[in-house]
C-alpha atoms as a PDB file:
ATOM      1  CA  MET A   1     -35.750 -23.647  74.374  1.00  0.00           C
ATOM      2  CA  THR A   2     -38.502 -21.082  74.926  1.00  0.00           C
ATOM      3  CA  LYS A   3     -39.465 -18.375  72.444  1.00  0.00           C
ATOM      4  CA  GLN A   4     -37.974 -15.727  74.745  1.00  0.00           C
ATOM      5  CA  SER A   5     -34.647 -17.537  75.054  1.00  0.00           C
ATOM      6  CA  ILE A   6     -34.448 -18.069  71.292  1.00  0.00           C
ATOM      7  CA  ASN A   7     -35.059 -14.370  70.684  1.00  0.00           C
ATOM      8  CA  SER A   8     -32.504 -13.438  73.348  1.00  0.00           C
ATOM      9  CA  ARG A   9     -29.908 -15.761  71.856  1.00  0.00           C
ATOM     10  CA  TYR A  10     -29.956 -13.992  68.486  1.00  0.00           C
ATOM     11  CA  LYS A  11     -30.525 -10.434  69.743  1.00  0.00           C
ATOM     12  CA  GLY A  12     -28.035  -8.208  67.962  1.00  0.00           C
ATOM     13  CA  SER A  13     -26.644 -10.940  65.723  1.00  0.00           C
ATOM     14  CA  MET A  14     -27.791  -8.996  62.647  1.00  0.00           C
ATOM     15  CA  GLN A  15     -26.974  -5.537  63.984  1.00  0.00           C
ATOM     16  CA  ASN A  16     -26.035  -3.039  61.246  1.00  0.00           C
ATOM     17  CA  LYS A  17     -27.221  -5.521  58.601  1.00  0.00           C
ATOM     18  CA  VAL A  18     -29.950  -4.987  56.020  1.00  0.00           C
ATOM     19  CA  ALA A  19     -32.255  -7.901  55.251  1.00  0.00           C
ATOM     20  CA  LEU A  20     -34.681  -8.202  52.346  1.00  0.00           C
ATOM     21  CA  VAL A  21     -37.576 -10.637  52.809  1.00  0.00           C
ATOM     22  CA  THR A  22     -39.866 -11.577  49.921  1.00  0.00           C
ATOM     23  CA  GLY A  23     -43.343 -12.999  50.376  1.00  0.00           C
ATOM     24  CA  ALA A  24     -43.472 -11.231  53.738  1.00  0.00           C
ATOM     25  CA  SER A  25     -47.162 -10.320  53.886  1.00  0.00           C
ATOM     26  CA  SER A  26     -48.118 -13.384  55.958  1.00  0.00           C
ATOM     27  CA  GLY A  27     -47.089 -16.812  57.225  1.00  0.00           C
ATOM     28  CA  LEU A  28     -43.448 -17.822  57.087  1.00  0.00           C
ATOM     29  CA  GLY A  29     -42.345 -14.596  55.411  1.00  0.00           C
ATOM     30  CA  ALA A  30     -43.880 -12.370  58.090  1.00  0.00           C
ATOM     31  CA  HIS A  31     -42.279 -14.522  60.779  1.00  0.00           C
ATOM     32  CA  PHE A  32     -38.876 -14.372  59.075  1.00  0.00           C
ATOM     33  CA  ALA A  33     -39.123 -10.572  58.870  1.00  0.00           C
ATOM     34  CA  LYS A  34     -39.881 -10.304  62.595  1.00  0.00           C
ATOM     35  CA  VAL A  35     -36.975 -12.624  63.411  1.00  0.00           C
ATOM     36  CA  MET A  36     -34.573 -10.517  61.344  1.00  0.00           C
ATOM     37  CA  ALA A  37     -35.794  -7.308  62.980  1.00  0.00           C
ATOM     38  CA  ASN A  38     -35.493  -8.804  66.462  1.00  0.00           C
ATOM     39  CA  ALA A  39     -31.894  -9.746  65.636  1.00  0.00           C
ATOM     40  CA  GLY A  40     -31.177  -6.095  64.886  1.00  0.00           C
ATOM     41  CA  ALA A  41     -31.424  -5.986  61.110  1.00  0.00           C
ATOM     42  CA  LYS A  42     -33.062  -3.197  59.165  1.00  0.00           C
ATOM     43  CA  VAL A  43     -35.700  -5.178  57.291  1.00  0.00           C
ATOM     44  CA  ILE A  44     -37.239  -4.516  53.897  1.00  0.00           C
ATOM     45  CA  VAL A  45     -40.477  -6.477  53.648  1.00  0.00           C
ATOM     46  CA  THR A  46     -41.852  -7.160  50.187  1.00  0.00           C
ATOM     47  CA  ALA A  47     -44.951  -8.822  48.754  1.00  0.00           C
ATOM     48  CA  ARG A  48     -47.896  -7.972  46.548  1.00  0.00           C
ATOM     49  CA  ARG A  49     -50.332  -7.055  49.360  1.00  0.00           C
ATOM     50  CA  GLU A  50     -49.419  -3.518  50.388  1.00  0.00           C
ATOM     51  CA  GLN A  51     -51.814  -3.246  53.340  1.00  0.00           C
ATOM     52  CA  LYS A  52     -50.518  -6.463  54.901  1.00  0.00           C
ATOM     53  CA  LEU A  53     -46.966  -5.151  54.574  1.00  0.00           C
ATOM     54  CA  LYS A  54     -47.886  -1.884  56.276  1.00  0.00           C
ATOM     55  CA  GLN A  55     -49.407  -3.816  59.179  1.00  0.00           C
ATOM     56  CA  LEU A  56     -46.229  -5.880  59.469  1.00  0.00           C
ATOM     57  CA  VAL A  57     -44.040  -2.763  59.525  1.00  0.00           C
ATOM     58  CA  GLU A  58     -46.228  -1.362  62.308  1.00  0.00           C
ATOM     59  CA  GLU A  59     -45.853  -4.594  64.312  1.00  0.00           C
ATOM     60  CA  ILE A  60     -42.079  -4.571  63.904  1.00  0.00           C
ATOM     61  CA  SER A  61     -41.838  -0.883  64.822  1.00  0.00           C
ATOM     62  CA  ALA A  62     -44.006  -1.434  67.921  1.00  0.00           C
ATOM     63  CA  THR A  63     -41.436  -3.924  69.245  1.00  0.00           C
ATOM     64  CA  GLY A  64     -38.493  -1.613  68.641  1.00  0.00           C
ATOM     65  CA  GLY A  65     -37.436  -2.933  65.245  1.00  0.00           C
ATOM     66  CA  GLU A  66     -36.843  -1.076  62.000  1.00  0.00           C
ATOM     67  CA  ALA A  67     -38.597  -2.019  58.768  1.00  0.00           C
ATOM     68  CA  SER A  68     -39.770  -0.585  55.463  1.00  0.00           C
ATOM     69  CA  ALA A  69     -42.330  -1.962  53.021  1.00  0.00           C
ATOM     70  CA  LEU A  70     -41.964  -2.208  49.252  1.00  0.00           C
ATOM     71  CA  THR A  71     -44.608  -3.881  47.113  1.00  0.00           C
ATOM     72  CA  LEU A  72     -43.217  -6.562  44.823  1.00  0.00           C
ATOM     73  CA  ASP A  73     -44.492  -9.111  42.332  1.00  0.00           C
ATOM     74  CA  VAL A  74     -41.542 -11.461  41.789  1.00  0.00           C
ATOM     75  CA  THR A  75     -42.922 -12.493  38.396  1.00  0.00           C
ATOM     76  CA  ASN A  76     -42.185  -8.966  37.119  1.00  0.00           C
ATOM     77  CA  ALA A  77     -38.506  -8.484  36.250  1.00  0.00           C
ATOM     78  CA  GLU A  78     -38.722  -4.673  36.210  1.00  0.00           C
ATOM     79  CA  ALA A  79     -40.406  -4.682  39.617  1.00  0.00           C
ATOM     80  CA  VAL A  80     -37.618  -6.834  41.054  1.00  0.00           C
ATOM     81  CA  GLU A  81     -34.925  -4.504  39.755  1.00  0.00           C
ATOM     82  CA  GLY A  82     -36.871  -1.517  41.065  1.00  0.00           C
ATOM     83  CA  VAL A  83     -37.170  -2.965  44.569  1.00  0.00           C
ATOM     84  CA  ILE A  84     -33.447  -3.710  44.754  1.00  0.00           C
ATOM     85  CA  LYS A  85     -32.665  -0.161  43.628  1.00  0.00           C
ATOM     86  CA  ASN A  86     -35.096   1.328  46.178  1.00  0.00           C
ATOM     87  CA  ALA A  87     -33.790  -0.898  48.964  1.00  0.00           C
ATOM     88  CA  VAL A  88     -30.244   0.270  48.330  1.00  0.00           C
ATOM     89  CA  MET A  89     -31.431   3.889  48.231  1.00  0.00           C
ATOM     90  CA  LEU A  90     -33.128   3.389  51.615  1.00  0.00           C
ATOM     91  CA  TYR A  91     -30.334   1.620  53.478  1.00  0.00           C
ATOM     92  CA  GLY A  92     -27.222   1.636  51.303  1.00  0.00           C
ATOM     93  CA  SER A  93     -26.847  -2.120  50.932  1.00  0.00           C
ATOM     94  CA  ILE A  94     -28.485  -5.527  51.197  1.00  0.00           C
ATOM     95  CA  ASP A  95     -26.581  -7.959  53.408  1.00  0.00           C
ATOM     96  CA  CYS A  96     -29.112 -10.769  53.616  1.00  0.00           C
ATOM     97  CA  LEU A  97     -31.888 -12.085  51.389  1.00  0.00           C
ATOM     98  CA  VAL A  98     -34.643 -14.364  52.651  1.00  0.00           C
ATOM     99  CA  ASN A  99     -36.067 -15.480  49.317  1.00  0.00           C
ATOM    100  CA  ASN A 100     -39.487 -16.686  50.437  1.00  0.00           C
ATOM    101  CA  ALA A 101     -42.205 -15.725  47.918  1.00  0.00           C
ATOM    102  CA  GLY A 102     -44.166 -18.767  46.812  1.00  0.00           C
ATOM    103  CA  VAL A 103     -47.524 -20.172  45.756  1.00  0.00           C
ATOM    104  CA  ALA A 104     -49.142 -23.607  45.578  1.00  0.00           C
ATOM    105  CA  ASP A 105     -51.799 -25.179  43.361  1.00  0.00           C
ATOM    106  CA  PRO A 106     -52.202 -28.850  44.363  1.00  0.00           C
ATOM    107  CA  LYS A 107     -53.403 -31.060  41.521  1.00  0.00           C
ATOM    108  CA  ARG A 108     -52.708 -34.537  40.247  1.00  0.00           C
ATOM    109  CA  PHE A 109     -50.059 -34.481  37.546  1.00  0.00           C
ATOM    110  CA  VAL A 110     -52.409 -35.294  34.648  1.00  0.00           C
ATOM    111  CA  ASN A 111     -54.812 -32.551  35.772  1.00  0.00           C
ATOM    112  CA  VAL A 112     -52.185 -29.794  35.712  1.00  0.00           C
ATOM    113  CA  GLU A 113     -52.908 -27.340  32.910  1.00  0.00           C
ATOM    114  CA  GLU A 114     -50.355 -25.114  31.215  1.00  0.00           C
ATOM    115  CA  THR A 115     -51.639 -22.095  33.168  1.00  0.00           C
ATOM    116  CA  ASP A 116     -51.345 -24.010  36.480  1.00  0.00           C
ATOM    117  CA  TRP A 117     -47.763 -24.976  35.681  1.00  0.00           C
ATOM    118  CA  GLN A 118     -46.796 -21.426  34.737  1.00  0.00           C
ATOM    119  CA  PHE A 119     -48.492 -19.981  37.827  1.00  0.00           C
ATOM    120  CA  VAL A 120     -46.417 -22.107  40.229  1.00  0.00           C
ATOM    121  CA  LEU A 121     -43.101 -22.236  38.342  1.00  0.00           C
ATOM    122  CA  GLU A 122     -43.110 -18.545  37.463  1.00  0.00           C
ATOM    123  CA  THR A 123     -43.371 -17.534  41.118  1.00  0.00           C
ATOM    124  CA  ASN A 124     -41.574 -20.318  42.980  1.00  0.00           C
ATOM    125  CA  LEU A 125     -38.638 -20.890  40.651  1.00  0.00           C
ATOM    126  CA  SER A 126     -38.362 -18.072  38.112  1.00  0.00           C
ATOM    127  CA  GLY A 127     -39.328 -15.497  40.733  1.00  0.00           C
ATOM    128  CA  ALA A 128     -36.808 -16.863  43.226  1.00  0.00           C
ATOM    129  CA  TRP A 129     -34.162 -16.797  40.489  1.00  0.00           C
ATOM    130  CA  ARG A 130     -34.947 -13.176  39.559  1.00  0.00           C
ATOM    131  CA  VAL A 131     -34.630 -11.939  43.122  1.00  0.00           C
ATOM    132  CA  ALA A 132     -31.553 -14.040  43.941  1.00  0.00           C
ATOM    133  CA  LYS A 133     -29.782 -12.907  40.770  1.00  0.00           C
ATOM    134  CA  ALA A 134     -30.544  -9.234  41.416  1.00  0.00           C
ATOM    135  CA  VAL A 135     -29.424  -9.375  45.052  1.00  0.00           C
ATOM    136  CA  ALA A 136     -26.300 -11.430  44.274  1.00  0.00           C
ATOM    137  CA  THR A 137     -25.338  -8.952  41.546  1.00  0.00           C
ATOM    138  CA  HIS A 138     -25.744  -6.077  44.018  1.00  0.00           C
ATOM    139  CA  MET A 139     -23.621  -7.902  46.615  1.00  0.00           C
ATOM    140  CA  ILE A 140     -20.839  -8.568  44.107  1.00  0.00           C
ATOM    141  CA  ASN A 141     -20.834  -5.012  42.758  1.00  0.00           C
ATOM    142  CA  SER A 142     -20.790  -3.501  46.265  1.00  0.00           C
ATOM    143  CA  ASN A 143     -18.286  -6.042  47.610  1.00  0.00           C
ATOM    144  CA  THR A 144     -20.790  -7.059  50.301  1.00  0.00           C
ATOM    145  CA  LYS A 145     -20.190 -10.128  52.440  1.00  0.00           C
ATOM    146  CA  GLY A 146     -23.684 -11.545  52.183  1.00  0.00           C
ATOM    147  CA  SER A 147     -26.027 -14.393  52.915  1.00  0.00           C
ATOM    148  CA  ILE A 148     -28.852 -15.649  50.718  1.00  0.00           C
ATOM    149  CA  VAL A 149     -31.410 -18.085  52.082  1.00  0.00           C
ATOM    150  CA  ASN A 150     -33.748 -19.567  49.499  1.00  0.00           C
ATOM    151  CA  ILE A 151     -36.899 -20.965  51.102  1.00  0.00           C
ATOM    152  CA  ALA A 152     -37.515 -24.361  49.544  1.00  0.00           C
ATOM    153  CA  SER A 153     -39.483 -27.233  51.110  1.00  0.00           C
ATOM    154  CA  ILE A 154     -39.176 -30.869  52.087  1.00  0.00           C
ATOM    155  CA  LEU A 155     -41.240 -31.379  48.922  1.00  0.00           C
ATOM    156  CA  GLY A 156     -38.147 -30.293  47.020  1.00  0.00           C
ATOM    157  CA  LEU A 157     -36.352 -33.269  48.559  1.00  0.00           C
ATOM    158  CA  ARG A 158     -39.096 -35.856  48.406  1.00  0.00           C
ATOM    159  CA  VAL A 159     -42.251 -35.707  46.304  1.00  0.00           C
ATOM    160  CA  GLY A 160     -45.770 -35.723  47.745  1.00  0.00           C
ATOM    161  CA  PHE A 161     -48.927 -37.111  46.138  1.00  0.00           C
ATOM    162  CA  GLY A 162     -50.803 -34.414  44.228  1.00  0.00           C
ATOM    163  CA  ASP A 163     -48.052 -31.826  44.672  1.00  0.00           C
ATOM    164  CA  SER A 164     -45.912 -32.494  41.604  1.00  0.00           C
ATOM    165  CA  THR A 165     -45.740 -28.918  40.307  1.00  0.00           C
ATOM    166  CA  TYR A 166     -44.882 -27.456  43.708  1.00  0.00           C
ATOM    167  CA  ALA A 167     -42.325 -30.212  44.367  1.00  0.00           C
ATOM    168  CA  ILE A 168     -40.685 -29.649  40.986  1.00  0.00           C
ATOM    169  CA  SER A 169     -40.438 -25.903  41.622  1.00  0.00           C
ATOM    170  CA  LYS A 170     -38.856 -26.399  45.051  1.00  0.00           C
ATOM    171  CA  ALA A 171     -36.447 -29.049  43.767  1.00  0.00           C
ATOM    172  CA  GLY A 172     -35.343 -26.435  41.245  1.00  0.00           C
ATOM    173  CA  VAL A 173     -34.798 -23.919  44.062  1.00  0.00           C
ATOM    174  CA  ILE A 174     -32.569 -26.419  45.878  1.00  0.00           C
ATOM    175  CA  GLN A 175     -30.481 -27.089  42.768  1.00  0.00           C
ATOM    176  CA  MET A 176     -30.279 -23.340  42.113  1.00  0.00           C
ATOM    177  CA  THR A 177     -29.008 -22.890  45.682  1.00  0.00           C
ATOM    178  CA  LYS A 178     -26.192 -25.385  45.115  1.00  0.00           C
ATOM    179  CA  ALA A 179     -25.213 -23.781  41.809  1.00  0.00           C
ATOM    180  CA  MET A 180     -25.192 -20.327  43.402  1.00  0.00           C
ATOM    181  CA  CYS A 181     -23.035 -21.564  46.277  1.00  0.00           C
ATOM    182  CA  LEU A 182     -20.500 -22.975  43.854  1.00  0.00           C
ATOM    183  CA  GLU A 183     -20.188 -19.720  41.953  1.00  0.00           C
ATOM    184  CA  LEU A 184     -20.593 -17.146  44.738  1.00  0.00           C
ATOM    185  CA  ALA A 185     -18.540 -18.597  47.591  1.00  0.00           C
ATOM    186  CA  SER A 186     -15.388 -16.899  46.282  1.00  0.00           C
ATOM    187  CA  LYS A 187     -17.277 -13.577  46.481  1.00  0.00           C
ATOM    188  CA  ASN A 188     -17.957 -14.012  50.215  1.00  0.00           C
ATOM    189  CA  ILE A 189     -21.624 -14.780  49.568  1.00  0.00           C
ATOM    190  CA  ARG A 190     -23.136 -17.808  51.291  1.00  0.00           C
ATOM    191  CA  VAL A 191     -26.211 -19.411  49.720  1.00  0.00           C
ATOM    192  CA  ASN A 192     -28.322 -22.012  51.501  1.00  0.00           C
ATOM    193  CA  ALA A 193     -31.827 -23.429  51.261  1.00  0.00           C
ATOM    194  CA  LEU A 194     -34.191 -23.786  54.204  1.00  0.00           C
ATOM    195  CA  CYS A 195     -36.642 -26.650  53.675  1.00  0.00           C
ATOM    196  CA  PRO A 196     -39.612 -26.418  56.041  1.00  0.00           C
ATOM    197  CA  GLY A 197     -41.931 -29.330  56.589  1.00  0.00           C
ATOM    198  CA  TYR A 198     -45.578 -28.644  57.332  1.00  0.00           C
ATOM    199  CA  PHE A 199     -46.151 -25.360  59.158  1.00  0.00           C
ATOM    200  CA  GLU A 200     -49.578 -23.738  59.188  1.00  0.00           C
ATOM    201  CA  THR A 201     -49.789 -20.952  56.599  1.00  0.00           C
ATOM    202  CA  GLU A 202     -52.477 -19.321  54.475  1.00  0.00           C
ATOM    203  CA  MET A 203     -51.752 -21.892  51.761  1.00  0.00           C
ATOM    204  CA  ASN A 204     -52.586 -24.948  53.878  1.00  0.00           C
ATOM    205  CA  THR A 205     -54.646 -23.866  56.889  1.00  0.00           C
ATOM    206  CA  ASP A 206     -57.987 -24.874  55.346  1.00  0.00           C
ATOM    207  CA  TYR A 207     -56.714 -28.381  54.649  1.00  0.00           C
ATOM    208  CA  PHE A 208     -55.158 -28.964  58.058  1.00  0.00           C
ATOM    209  CA  ASN A 209     -58.354 -27.811  59.766  1.00  0.00           C
ATOM    210  CA  THR A 210     -60.262 -30.642  58.107  1.00  0.00           C
ATOM    211  CA  GLU A 211     -60.655 -34.142  59.478  1.00  0.00           C
ATOM    212  CA  LYS A 212     -58.616 -35.461  56.535  1.00  0.00           C
ATOM    213  CA  GLY A 213     -55.812 -32.982  57.242  1.00  0.00           C
ATOM    214  CA  GLN A 214     -55.695 -33.874  60.914  1.00  0.00           C
ATOM    215  CA  ALA A 215     -55.630 -37.564  60.051  1.00  0.00           C
ATOM    216  CA  TYR A 216     -52.722 -36.996  57.691  1.00  0.00           C
ATOM    217  CA  LEU A 217     -50.710 -35.283  60.438  1.00  0.00           C
ATOM    218  CA  GLN A 218     -51.036 -38.413  62.540  1.00  0.00           C
ATOM    219  CA  THR A 219     -49.103 -40.309  59.860  1.00  0.00           C
ATOM    220  CA  THR A 220     -46.112 -37.960  60.116  1.00  0.00           C
ATOM    221  CA  THR A 221     -43.192 -38.563  62.462  1.00  0.00           C
ATOM    222  CA  ALA A 222     -44.009 -35.622  64.744  1.00  0.00           C
ATOM    223  CA  THR A 223     -47.817 -36.090  64.407  1.00  0.00           C
ATOM    224  CA  ARG A 224     -48.273 -32.319  64.396  1.00  0.00           C
ATOM    225  CA  LEU A 225     -47.611 -29.134  62.475  1.00  0.00           C
ATOM    226  CA  GLY A 226     -44.413 -27.245  63.173  1.00  0.00           C
ATOM    227  CA  GLN A 227     -44.556 -24.038  65.209  1.00  0.00           C
ATOM    228  CA  LEU A 228     -43.155 -20.933  63.523  1.00  0.00           C
ATOM    229  CA  ASP A 229     -40.669 -20.373  66.349  1.00  0.00           C
ATOM    230  CA  GLU A 230     -39.144 -23.749  65.479  1.00  0.00           C
ATOM    231  CA  LEU A 231     -37.868 -22.142  62.262  1.00  0.00           C
ATOM    232  CA  THR A 232     -36.155 -19.261  64.059  1.00  0.00           C
ATOM    233  CA  ALA A 233     -32.879 -20.945  65.035  1.00  0.00           C
ATOM    234  CA  PRO A 234     -32.400 -22.667  61.643  1.00  0.00           C
ATOM    235  CA  LEU A 235     -33.047 -19.392  59.812  1.00  0.00           C
ATOM    236  CA  MET A 236     -30.634 -17.456  62.011  1.00  0.00           C
ATOM    237  CA  LEU A 237     -27.969 -20.130  61.587  1.00  0.00           C
ATOM    238  CA  LEU A 238     -28.133 -19.674  57.822  1.00  0.00           C
ATOM    239  CA  CYS A 239     -28.485 -15.868  57.849  1.00  0.00           C
ATOM    240  CA  SER A 240     -26.035 -14.806  60.548  1.00  0.00           C
ATOM    241  CA  ASP A 241     -22.311 -15.245  61.053  1.00  0.00           C
ATOM    242  CA  GLU A 242     -23.038 -18.152  63.419  1.00  0.00           C
ATOM    243  CA  GLY A 243     -23.271 -20.243  60.263  1.00  0.00           C
ATOM    244  CA  SER A 244     -20.224 -18.718  58.600  1.00  0.00           C
ATOM    245  CA  PHE A 245     -18.929 -22.092  57.327  1.00  0.00           C
ATOM    246  CA  ILE A 246     -22.321 -23.420  56.232  1.00  0.00           C
ATOM    247  CA  ASN A 247     -22.763 -23.049  52.498  1.00  0.00           C
ATOM    248  CA  GLY A 248     -24.743 -24.830  49.802  1.00  0.00           C
ATOM    249  CA  ILE A 249     -26.944 -26.977  52.028  1.00  0.00           C
ATOM    250  CA  ALA A 250     -30.651 -27.783  51.918  1.00  0.00           C
ATOM    251  CA  LEU A 251     -31.669 -27.902  55.587  1.00  0.00           C
ATOM    252  CA  PRO A 252     -34.914 -29.757  56.392  1.00  0.00           C
ATOM    253  CA  VAL A 253     -36.875 -28.562  59.424  1.00  0.00           C
ATOM    254  CA  ASP A 254     -39.699 -31.062  59.521  1.00  0.00           C
ATOM    255  CA  GLY A 255     -39.816 -32.965  62.799  1.00  0.00           C
ATOM    256  CA  GLY A 256     -38.374 -36.017  61.046  1.00  0.00           C
ATOM    257  CA  HIS A 257     -41.100 -36.154  58.391  1.00  0.00           C
ATOM    258  CA  LEU A 258     -38.634 -37.089  55.638  1.00  0.00           C
ATOM    259  CA  ASN A 259     -37.781 -40.242  57.564  1.00  0.00           C
ATOM    260  CA  THR A 260     -41.240 -41.784  57.329  1.00  0.00           C
ATOM    261  CA  SER A 261     -41.321 -45.332  56.090  1.00  0.00           C
ATOM    262  CA  LEU A 262     -41.868 -46.069  52.421  1.00  0.00           C
END
């Protein structure tokens, strides 16, 4: 399926919906925001880098979408509450959360310092929890039929060498997703986790441009990085009503990487 046909398929599927995307200043988050806008949602893009967010809003507006930018550090509880309040003031509700903010700090387990651990866990797990809790509370209080998609990783399902802290944080996100599903389903709130494999982002582009990185890709099932458009359909399935009976799953999108031989 071509990029154009994918975009056409989901055109209007989020009409009259409001979507909040965290970690939207680049990479997966920026792509997710564009996908939501193309589907008709009013999109609130959040991240720490204000200028990057403004550029993203301009890109979305240039293609006929609607978006607003709010700066957010997910490690700051007051900032999270403030963004939710401002988002509701802007658009009246939040119907969908794409909970994407994340960081990485690859190190062997015995070389991880306390500050390294806190840096990754505070953003990837505690930050995801803060945002998910705030949005879920808003949805319950406003009686909103909502969808929350926590962006995890295949490293939350299967550990990688030298990525213990990141893998632990994403495994926590997956377990949080399941717990949220169990408790929020009766409130008409679906909660799922999207688990991308290796897609080129700011966090990994330097590595995958090296000879070592390229050699590693040849050991994976697909022997290549994923293309961002290959995340569009899975994201829309979890965000839109097309996936109305999908709840509590951790969906890998990895070209079969998880099936590599041990």
